[in-house]
Amino acid sequence: MTTVGFIGSGAIGTTLARLAVDAGYQVGRPVPQLDDASPTSSEPMLQYLSDARIVKAFNTIFFEHLLSLPRPAGAPDRSFLPVAADSVPAKTAVTAFIESLGYGVVDAGRLSDSWRQATVTPVWGTPYGPYSNTQGQPAGEETVRAALALTTR
């Protein structure tokens, strides 16, 4: 069985857990050491991530938009999310997970390319509408690809 973990238990992590439960996944609790804030978040994760495959996803969308924009495969207003990873099997697993939640995926390349998904880049938030519009707006595959292409360092 594949285990998928989320680093972050804020609004995005909570929303992902909610969508995952709605999609039929079993969701467990965050690592207890992260809840009490005694060590930094990286310290306890080291013991859990020694064999992990890292995939960067979900960081470009506002949590309320993430909750309101899922659509079935083939829907004309289905939104897409960029995904970057070095491991093809991990990227494939995360793609299947994202698709099961009601989103399409744009392959954003390797982890070294994930800077295109960073805060304040064209793909970060903008394609899905302003935060003031809690329902968001669908962002199709071409919209997300165009935003990634506009990103410069």
N, C-alpha and C. Protein backbone atom coordinates (compact mmCIF):
# COMPACT_ATOMS: atom_id res chain seq x y z
N MET A 1 0.84 -1.18 0.00
CA MET A 1 0.00 0.00 0.00
C MET A 1 0.89 1.24 0.00
N THR A 2 0.50 2.24 -0.76
CA THR A 2 1.24 3.49 -0.82
C THR A 2 0.76 4.41 0.28
N THR A 3 1.70 5.03 0.97
CA THR A 3 1.37 6.01 1.99
C THR A 3 1.72 7.38 1.44
N VAL A 4 0.78 8.30 1.55
CA VAL A 4 1.00 9.67 1.11
C VAL A 4 0.95 10.54 2.34
N GLY A 5 1.95 11.37 2.50
CA GLY A 5 1.99 12.28 3.64
C GLY A 5 1.96 13.71 3.15
N PHE A 6 1.43 14.59 3.96
CA PHE A 6 1.39 16.00 3.65
C PHE A 6 2.22 16.74 4.67
N ILE A 7 3.13 17.55 4.21
CA ILE A 7 3.88 18.39 5.13
C ILE A 7 3.13 19.70 5.21
N GLY A 8 2.64 19.98 6.38
CA GLY A 8 1.82 21.17 6.58
C GLY A 8 0.45 20.74 7.07
N SER A 9 0.01 21.33 8.14
CA SER A 9 -1.31 20.97 8.67
C SER A 9 -2.18 22.21 8.80
N GLY A 10 -1.83 23.26 8.10
CA GLY A 10 -2.62 24.48 8.12
C GLY A 10 -3.85 24.34 7.25
N ALA A 11 -4.26 25.42 6.65
CA ALA A 11 -5.49 25.43 5.86
C ALA A 11 -5.42 24.49 4.67
N ILE A 12 -4.30 24.45 3.96
CA ILE A 12 -4.19 23.54 2.81
C ILE A 12 -4.22 22.09 3.28
N GLY A 13 -3.44 21.74 4.31
CA GLY A 13 -3.42 20.38 4.82
C GLY A 13 -4.78 19.92 5.30
N THR A 14 -5.49 20.79 6.01
CA THR A 14 -6.83 20.47 6.50
C THR A 14 -7.79 20.27 5.34
N THR A 15 -7.71 21.13 4.33
CA THR A 15 -8.58 21.02 3.16
C THR A 15 -8.27 19.75 2.38
N LEU A 16 -6.99 19.43 2.22
CA LEU A 16 -6.62 18.18 1.54
C LEU A 16 -7.17 16.97 2.28
N ALA A 17 -7.06 16.97 3.59
CA ALA A 17 -7.59 15.86 4.38
C ALA A 17 -9.09 15.71 4.16
N ARG A 18 -9.78 16.83 4.14
CA ARG A 18 -11.24 16.81 3.93
C ARG A 18 -11.58 16.26 2.55
N LEU A 19 -10.89 16.74 1.50
CA LEU A 19 -11.12 16.23 0.15
C LEU A 19 -10.76 14.76 0.04
N ALA A 20 -9.68 14.35 0.68
CA ALA A 20 -9.26 12.95 0.63
C ALA A 20 -10.29 12.04 1.28
N VAL A 21 -10.82 12.42 2.41
CA VAL A 21 -11.87 11.63 3.07
C VAL A 21 -13.10 11.54 2.16
N ASP A 22 -13.48 12.67 1.55
CA ASP A 22 -14.63 12.66 0.63
C ASP A 22 -14.39 11.76 -0.57
N ALA A 23 -13.11 11.59 -0.98
CA ALA A 23 -12.76 10.74 -2.11
C ALA A 23 -12.55 9.28 -1.70
N GLY A 24 -12.74 8.97 -0.41
CA GLY A 24 -12.65 7.59 0.05
C GLY A 24 -11.32 7.18 0.64
N TYR A 25 -10.42 8.12 0.88
CA TYR A 25 -9.13 7.80 1.48
C TYR A 25 -9.26 7.79 2.99
N GLN A 26 -8.39 7.02 3.64
CA GLN A 26 -8.28 7.05 5.08
C GLN A 26 -7.20 8.05 5.44
N VAL A 27 -7.52 8.96 6.32
CA VAL A 27 -6.59 10.03 6.68
C VAL A 27 -6.23 9.90 8.14
N GLY A 28 -4.93 9.92 8.42
CA GLY A 28 -4.45 9.84 9.79
C GLY A 28 -4.05 11.19 10.33
N ARG A 29 -3.65 11.19 11.56
CA ARG A 29 -3.27 12.43 12.27
C ARG A 29 -1.81 12.78 11.94
N PRO A 30 -1.43 14.20 11.85
CA PRO A 30 -0.11 14.77 11.75
C PRO A 30 0.81 14.20 12.82
N VAL A 31 2.02 14.12 12.54
CA VAL A 31 3.04 13.68 13.50
C VAL A 31 2.90 14.50 14.78
N PRO A 32 2.71 13.87 15.94
CA PRO A 32 2.49 14.61 17.18
C PRO A 32 3.56 15.66 17.50
N GLN A 33 4.82 15.36 17.17
CA GLN A 33 5.89 16.31 17.47
C GLN A 33 5.70 17.63 16.73
N LEU A 34 4.99 17.61 15.61
CA LEU A 34 4.76 18.85 14.87
C LEU A 34 3.69 19.71 15.54
N ASP A 35 2.81 19.07 16.30
CA ASP A 35 1.74 19.81 16.96
C ASP A 35 2.22 20.60 18.17
N ASP A 36 3.22 20.10 18.88
CA ASP A 36 3.61 20.79 20.11
C ASP A 36 4.69 21.85 19.90
N ALA A 37 5.19 21.97 18.67
CA ALA A 37 6.14 23.02 18.27
C ALA A 37 7.45 23.01 19.07
N SER A 38 7.77 21.90 19.73
CA SER A 38 9.02 21.87 20.49
C SER A 38 10.25 21.88 19.58
N PRO A 39 10.36 20.97 18.61
CA PRO A 39 11.48 21.08 17.68
C PRO A 39 11.01 21.84 16.43
N THR A 40 11.92 22.13 15.53
CA THR A 40 11.50 22.70 14.25
C THR A 40 10.79 21.60 13.48
N SER A 41 10.02 21.97 12.49
CA SER A 41 9.27 20.97 11.74
C SER A 41 10.18 20.02 10.98
N SER A 42 11.37 20.46 10.60
CA SER A 42 12.29 19.61 9.85
C SER A 42 12.90 18.50 10.68
N GLU A 43 13.16 18.76 11.96
CA GLU A 43 13.83 17.77 12.80
C GLU A 43 13.06 16.46 12.92
N PRO A 44 11.80 16.46 13.32
CA PRO A 44 11.11 15.18 13.43
C PRO A 44 10.82 14.54 12.07
N MET A 45 10.71 15.34 11.01
CA MET A 45 10.42 14.79 9.70
C MET A 45 11.59 13.98 9.15
N LEU A 46 12.81 14.30 9.57
CA LEU A 46 13.97 13.56 9.08
C LEU A 46 13.86 12.07 9.34
N GLN A 47 13.31 11.70 10.49
CA GLN A 47 13.19 10.27 10.80
C GLN A 47 12.12 9.59 9.94
N TYR A 48 11.19 10.35 9.43
CA TYR A 48 10.12 9.78 8.61
C TYR A 48 10.40 9.85 7.12
N LEU A 49 11.31 10.71 6.70
CA LEU A 49 11.51 10.96 5.28
C LEU A 49 12.77 10.33 4.68
N SER A 50 13.43 9.47 5.40
CA SER A 50 14.70 8.93 4.91
C SER A 50 14.56 8.23 3.55
N ASP A 51 13.47 7.56 3.31
CA ASP A 51 13.25 6.87 2.04
C ASP A 51 12.14 7.51 1.21
N ALA A 52 11.74 8.71 1.57
CA ALA A 52 10.60 9.35 0.91
C ALA A 52 10.95 9.86 -0.47
N ARG A 53 9.95 9.97 -1.28
CA ARG A 53 10.03 10.62 -2.59
C ARG A 53 9.22 11.90 -2.45
N ILE A 54 9.82 13.04 -2.71
CA ILE A 54 9.18 14.33 -2.51
C ILE A 54 8.52 14.80 -3.80
N VAL A 55 7.28 15.27 -3.67
CA VAL A 55 6.53 15.83 -4.79
C VAL A 55 6.00 17.18 -4.33
N LYS A 56 6.25 18.21 -5.13
CA LYS A 56 5.74 19.54 -4.80
C LYS A 56 4.40 19.72 -5.52
N ALA A 57 3.36 19.92 -4.73
CA ALA A 57 2.01 20.08 -5.26
C ALA A 57 1.17 20.84 -4.24
N PHE A 58 0.08 21.38 -4.67
CA PHE A 58 -0.92 22.06 -3.83
C PHE A 58 -0.48 23.40 -3.27
N ASN A 59 0.73 23.84 -3.55
CA ASN A 59 1.19 25.09 -2.95
C ASN A 59 0.77 26.32 -3.75
N THR A 60 0.13 26.14 -4.90
CA THR A 60 -0.21 27.28 -5.75
C THR A 60 -1.67 27.72 -5.63
N ILE A 61 -2.46 27.02 -4.85
CA ILE A 61 -3.89 27.29 -4.80
C ILE A 61 -4.33 27.63 -3.37
N PHE A 62 -5.18 28.63 -3.25
CA PHE A 62 -5.75 29.06 -1.97
C PHE A 62 -6.65 27.93 -1.44
N PHE A 63 -6.63 27.69 -0.14
CA PHE A 63 -7.36 26.55 0.41
C PHE A 63 -8.84 26.59 0.11
N GLU A 64 -9.45 27.76 0.11
CA GLU A 64 -10.90 27.84 -0.19
C GLU A 64 -11.17 27.51 -1.65
N HIS A 65 -10.24 27.90 -2.54
CA HIS A 65 -10.39 27.54 -3.95
C HIS A 65 -10.19 26.03 -4.12
N LEU A 66 -9.25 25.46 -3.39
CA LEU A 66 -9.01 24.02 -3.44
C LEU A 66 -10.28 23.26 -3.08
N LEU A 67 -11.01 23.76 -2.11
CA LEU A 67 -12.23 23.10 -1.66
C LEU A 67 -13.39 23.30 -2.64
N SER A 68 -13.43 24.43 -3.34
CA SER A 68 -14.60 24.73 -4.18
C SER A 68 -14.44 24.39 -5.65
N LEU A 69 -13.23 24.11 -6.13
CA LEU A 69 -13.02 23.92 -7.57
C LEU A 69 -12.92 22.48 -8.08
N PRO A 70 -13.03 21.44 -7.26
CA PRO A 70 -12.96 20.09 -7.82
C PRO A 70 -14.09 19.86 -8.83
N ARG A 71 -13.74 19.18 -9.92
CA ARG A 71 -14.70 18.83 -10.96
C ARG A 71 -14.36 17.43 -11.46
N PRO A 72 -15.35 16.71 -11.99
CA PRO A 72 -15.07 15.37 -12.51
C PRO A 72 -14.16 15.42 -13.74
N ALA A 73 -13.46 14.33 -13.99
CA ALA A 73 -12.62 14.22 -15.19
C ALA A 73 -13.47 14.48 -16.42
N GLY A 74 -12.93 15.26 -17.34
CA GLY A 74 -13.64 15.56 -18.57
C GLY A 74 -14.52 16.79 -18.50
N ALA A 75 -14.75 17.33 -17.30
CA ALA A 75 -15.58 18.54 -17.17
C ALA A 75 -14.86 19.71 -17.85
N PRO A 76 -15.57 20.53 -18.60
CA PRO A 76 -14.92 21.64 -19.30
C PRO A 76 -14.33 22.68 -18.36
N ASP A 77 -14.81 22.73 -17.13
CA ASP A 77 -14.30 23.71 -16.16
C ASP A 77 -13.43 23.06 -15.08
N ARG A 78 -12.83 21.93 -15.41
CA ARG A 78 -11.92 21.25 -14.47
C ARG A 78 -10.65 22.08 -14.30
N SER A 79 -10.22 22.27 -13.08
CA SER A 79 -8.99 23.00 -12.79
C SER A 79 -7.80 22.06 -12.74
N PHE A 80 -6.63 22.62 -12.99
CA PHE A 80 -5.39 21.86 -13.01
C PHE A 80 -4.41 22.45 -12.01
N LEU A 81 -3.56 21.59 -11.47
CA LEU A 81 -2.54 21.98 -10.51
C LEU A 81 -1.17 21.54 -11.02
N PRO A 82 -0.14 22.38 -10.85
CA PRO A 82 1.21 21.96 -11.25
C PRO A 82 1.81 20.99 -10.22
N VAL A 83 2.60 20.04 -10.72
CA VAL A 83 3.24 19.04 -9.88
C VAL A 83 4.68 18.87 -10.35
N ALA A 84 5.63 18.96 -9.42
CA ALA A 84 7.04 18.77 -9.73
C ALA A 84 7.61 17.68 -8.83
N ALA A 85 8.45 16.81 -9.41
CA ALA A 85 9.08 15.73 -8.64
C ALA A 85 10.20 15.11 -9.46
N ASP A 86 11.14 14.49 -8.76
CA ASP A 86 12.22 13.76 -9.43
C ASP A 86 11.85 12.30 -9.66
N SER A 87 11.01 11.77 -8.81
CA SER A 87 10.62 10.36 -8.88
C SER A 87 9.37 10.20 -9.75
N VAL A 88 9.50 9.48 -10.85
CA VAL A 88 8.35 9.24 -11.73
C VAL A 88 7.25 8.46 -11.00
N PRO A 89 7.58 7.39 -10.25
CA PRO A 89 6.52 6.67 -9.54
C PRO A 89 5.80 7.57 -8.51
N ALA A 90 6.55 8.41 -7.82
CA ALA A 90 5.92 9.31 -6.83
C ALA A 90 5.04 10.32 -7.53
N LYS A 91 5.51 10.87 -8.64
CA LYS A 91 4.70 11.84 -9.39
C LYS A 91 3.44 11.16 -9.92
N THR A 92 3.56 9.92 -10.37
CA THR A 92 2.40 9.17 -10.86
C THR A 92 1.39 8.93 -9.75
N ALA A 93 1.88 8.57 -8.56
CA ALA A 93 0.98 8.33 -7.41
C ALA A 93 0.27 9.62 -7.00
N VAL A 94 1.01 10.72 -6.94
CA VAL A 94 0.41 11.99 -6.54
C VAL A 94 -0.56 12.48 -7.61
N THR A 95 -0.23 12.26 -8.87
CA THR A 95 -1.15 12.62 -9.96
C THR A 95 -2.46 11.87 -9.81
N ALA A 96 -2.39 10.57 -9.54
CA ALA A 96 -3.62 9.78 -9.35
C ALA A 96 -4.41 10.30 -8.16
N PHE A 97 -3.72 10.66 -7.08
CA PHE A 97 -4.39 11.21 -5.91
C PHE A 97 -5.09 12.52 -6.25
N ILE A 98 -4.38 13.43 -6.91
CA ILE A 98 -4.96 14.73 -7.26
C ILE A 98 -6.16 14.54 -8.18
N GLU A 99 -6.03 13.65 -9.15
CA GLU A 99 -7.15 13.40 -10.05
C GLU A 99 -8.35 12.82 -9.32
N SER A 100 -8.10 11.99 -8.30
CA SER A 100 -9.21 11.42 -7.53
C SER A 100 -9.93 12.47 -6.69
N LEU A 101 -9.26 13.60 -6.44
CA LEU A 101 -9.87 14.69 -5.69
C LEU A 101 -10.67 15.64 -6.58
N GLY A 102 -10.53 15.49 -7.89
CA GLY A 102 -11.30 16.33 -8.81
C GLY A 102 -10.50 17.38 -9.54
N TYR A 103 -9.19 17.18 -9.66
CA TYR A 103 -8.32 18.11 -10.36
C TYR A 103 -7.50 17.38 -11.41
N GLY A 104 -7.10 18.12 -12.45
CA GLY A 104 -6.15 17.61 -13.41
C GLY A 104 -4.76 18.04 -12.98
N VAL A 105 -3.74 17.53 -13.66
CA VAL A 105 -2.35 17.81 -13.29
C VAL A 105 -1.58 18.31 -14.51
N VAL A 106 -0.76 19.31 -14.27
CA VAL A 106 0.22 19.77 -15.26
C VAL A 106 1.59 19.37 -14.72
N ASP A 107 2.33 18.60 -15.51
CA ASP A 107 3.67 18.18 -15.11
C ASP A 107 4.58 19.40 -15.18
N ALA A 108 5.05 19.86 -14.03
CA ALA A 108 5.89 21.05 -13.94
C ALA A 108 7.38 20.70 -13.90
N GLY A 109 7.73 19.46 -14.20
CA GLY A 109 9.13 19.07 -14.28
C GLY A 109 9.67 18.47 -13.00
N ARG A 110 10.98 18.63 -12.83
CA ARG A 110 11.69 18.07 -11.69
C ARG A 110 11.58 18.99 -10.48
N LEU A 111 12.03 18.50 -9.33
CA LEU A 111 12.02 19.35 -8.14
C LEU A 111 12.86 20.61 -8.35
N SER A 112 13.92 20.49 -9.12
CA SER A 112 14.76 21.67 -9.38
C SER A 112 14.01 22.72 -10.20
N ASP A 113 12.90 22.32 -10.84
CA ASP A 113 12.07 23.26 -11.59
C ASP A 113 10.93 23.83 -10.74
N SER A 114 10.79 23.34 -9.53
CA SER A 114 9.63 23.73 -8.72
C SER A 114 9.66 25.18 -8.26
N TRP A 115 10.76 25.90 -8.52
CA TRP A 115 10.78 27.33 -8.21
C TRP A 115 9.70 28.06 -9.01
N ARG A 116 9.26 27.48 -10.12
CA ARG A 116 8.18 28.10 -10.92
C ARG A 116 6.86 28.11 -10.16
N GLN A 117 6.75 27.30 -9.12
CA GLN A 117 5.54 27.23 -8.31
C GLN A 117 5.65 28.06 -7.03
N ALA A 118 6.71 28.80 -6.88
CA ALA A 118 6.96 29.53 -5.63
C ALA A 118 5.98 30.68 -5.44
N THR A 119 5.94 31.16 -4.21
CA THR A 119 5.11 32.31 -3.86
C THR A 119 5.40 33.47 -4.80
N VAL A 120 4.35 34.15 -5.16
CA VAL A 120 4.33 35.33 -6.05
C VAL A 120 4.79 35.08 -7.48
N THR A 121 4.81 33.85 -7.94
CA THR A 121 5.03 33.57 -9.36
C THR A 121 3.67 33.62 -10.05
N PRO A 122 3.63 33.70 -11.38
CA PRO A 122 2.35 33.79 -12.09
C PRO A 122 1.38 32.63 -11.85
N VAL A 123 1.89 31.45 -11.49
CA VAL A 123 0.99 30.31 -11.25
C VAL A 123 0.51 30.24 -9.80
N TRP A 124 1.07 31.05 -8.95
CA TRP A 124 0.73 31.02 -7.53
C TRP A 124 -0.52 31.85 -7.26
N GLY A 125 -1.64 31.17 -7.11
CA GLY A 125 -2.90 31.82 -6.77
C GLY A 125 -3.63 32.47 -7.92
N THR A 126 -2.96 33.25 -8.74
CA THR A 126 -3.60 34.08 -9.76
C THR A 126 -4.54 33.32 -10.70
N PRO A 127 -4.15 32.17 -11.26
CA PRO A 127 -5.06 31.51 -12.20
C PRO A 127 -6.40 31.11 -11.59
N TYR A 128 -6.45 30.97 -10.28
CA TYR A 128 -7.66 30.49 -9.61
C TYR A 128 -8.53 31.63 -9.06
N GLY A 129 -8.13 32.86 -9.31
CA GLY A 129 -8.91 34.03 -8.89
C GLY A 129 -8.42 34.61 -7.58
N PRO A 130 -8.93 35.81 -7.25
CA PRO A 130 -8.49 36.49 -6.03
C PRO A 130 -9.03 35.80 -4.77
N TYR A 131 -8.33 35.98 -3.67
CA TYR A 131 -8.77 35.41 -2.39
C TYR A 131 -10.15 35.91 -2.00
N SER A 132 -10.48 37.13 -2.41
CA SER A 132 -11.78 37.71 -2.05
C SER A 132 -12.94 36.93 -2.66
N ASN A 133 -12.69 36.19 -3.73
CA ASN A 133 -13.69 35.33 -4.35
C ASN A 133 -13.46 33.92 -3.81
N THR A 134 -14.13 33.59 -2.72
CA THR A 134 -13.86 32.31 -2.05
C THR A 134 -14.21 31.10 -2.90
N GLN A 135 -15.06 31.26 -3.92
CA GLN A 135 -15.38 30.14 -4.81
C GLN A 135 -14.29 29.92 -5.85
N GLY A 136 -13.48 30.93 -6.10
CA GLY A 136 -12.41 30.81 -7.09
C GLY A 136 -12.95 30.75 -8.50
N GLN A 137 -12.03 30.61 -9.43
CA GLN A 137 -12.40 30.44 -10.84
C GLN A 137 -11.60 29.28 -11.39
N PRO A 138 -12.20 28.46 -12.23
CA PRO A 138 -11.48 27.33 -12.79
C PRO A 138 -10.24 27.78 -13.57
N ALA A 139 -9.18 27.02 -13.46
CA ALA A 139 -7.95 27.26 -14.20
C ALA A 139 -7.61 26.01 -14.99
N GLY A 140 -7.84 26.06 -16.27
CA GLY A 140 -7.61 24.91 -17.13
C GLY A 140 -6.14 24.62 -17.37
N GLU A 141 -5.89 23.52 -18.04
CA GLU A 141 -4.53 23.06 -18.29
C GLU A 141 -3.69 24.12 -19.01
N GLU A 142 -4.23 24.73 -20.05
CA GLU A 142 -3.46 25.72 -20.81
C GLU A 142 -3.18 26.97 -19.98
N THR A 143 -4.12 27.35 -19.12
CA THR A 143 -3.91 28.51 -18.24
C THR A 143 -2.74 28.26 -17.29
N VAL A 144 -2.69 27.07 -16.71
CA VAL A 144 -1.62 26.73 -15.77
C VAL A 144 -0.28 26.60 -16.52
N ARG A 145 -0.29 25.98 -17.69
CA ARG A 145 0.95 25.88 -18.48
C ARG A 145 1.48 27.26 -18.86
N ALA A 146 0.58 28.16 -19.25
CA ALA A 146 0.99 29.52 -19.63
C ALA A 146 1.57 30.26 -18.44
N ALA A 147 0.96 30.10 -17.26
CA ALA A 147 1.48 30.76 -16.06
C ALA A 147 2.86 30.23 -15.69
N LEU A 148 3.06 28.93 -15.79
CA LEU A 148 4.39 28.36 -15.53
C LEU A 148 5.42 28.90 -16.51
N ALA A 149 5.03 29.04 -17.77
CA ALA A 149 5.94 29.52 -18.80
C ALA A 149 6.33 30.98 -18.60
N LEU A 150 5.47 31.77 -17.96
CA LEU A 150 5.75 33.19 -17.71
C LEU A 150 6.72 33.42 -16.56
N THR A 151 6.95 32.39 -15.75
CA THR A 151 7.76 32.54 -14.55
C THR A 151 9.24 32.69 -14.88
N THR A 152 9.85 33.70 -14.29
CA THR A 152 11.29 33.92 -14.45
C THR A 152 11.90 34.07 -13.06
N ARG A 153 13.19 33.83 -12.99
CA ARG A 153 13.90 33.99 -11.72
C ARG A 153 14.40 35.39 -11.57
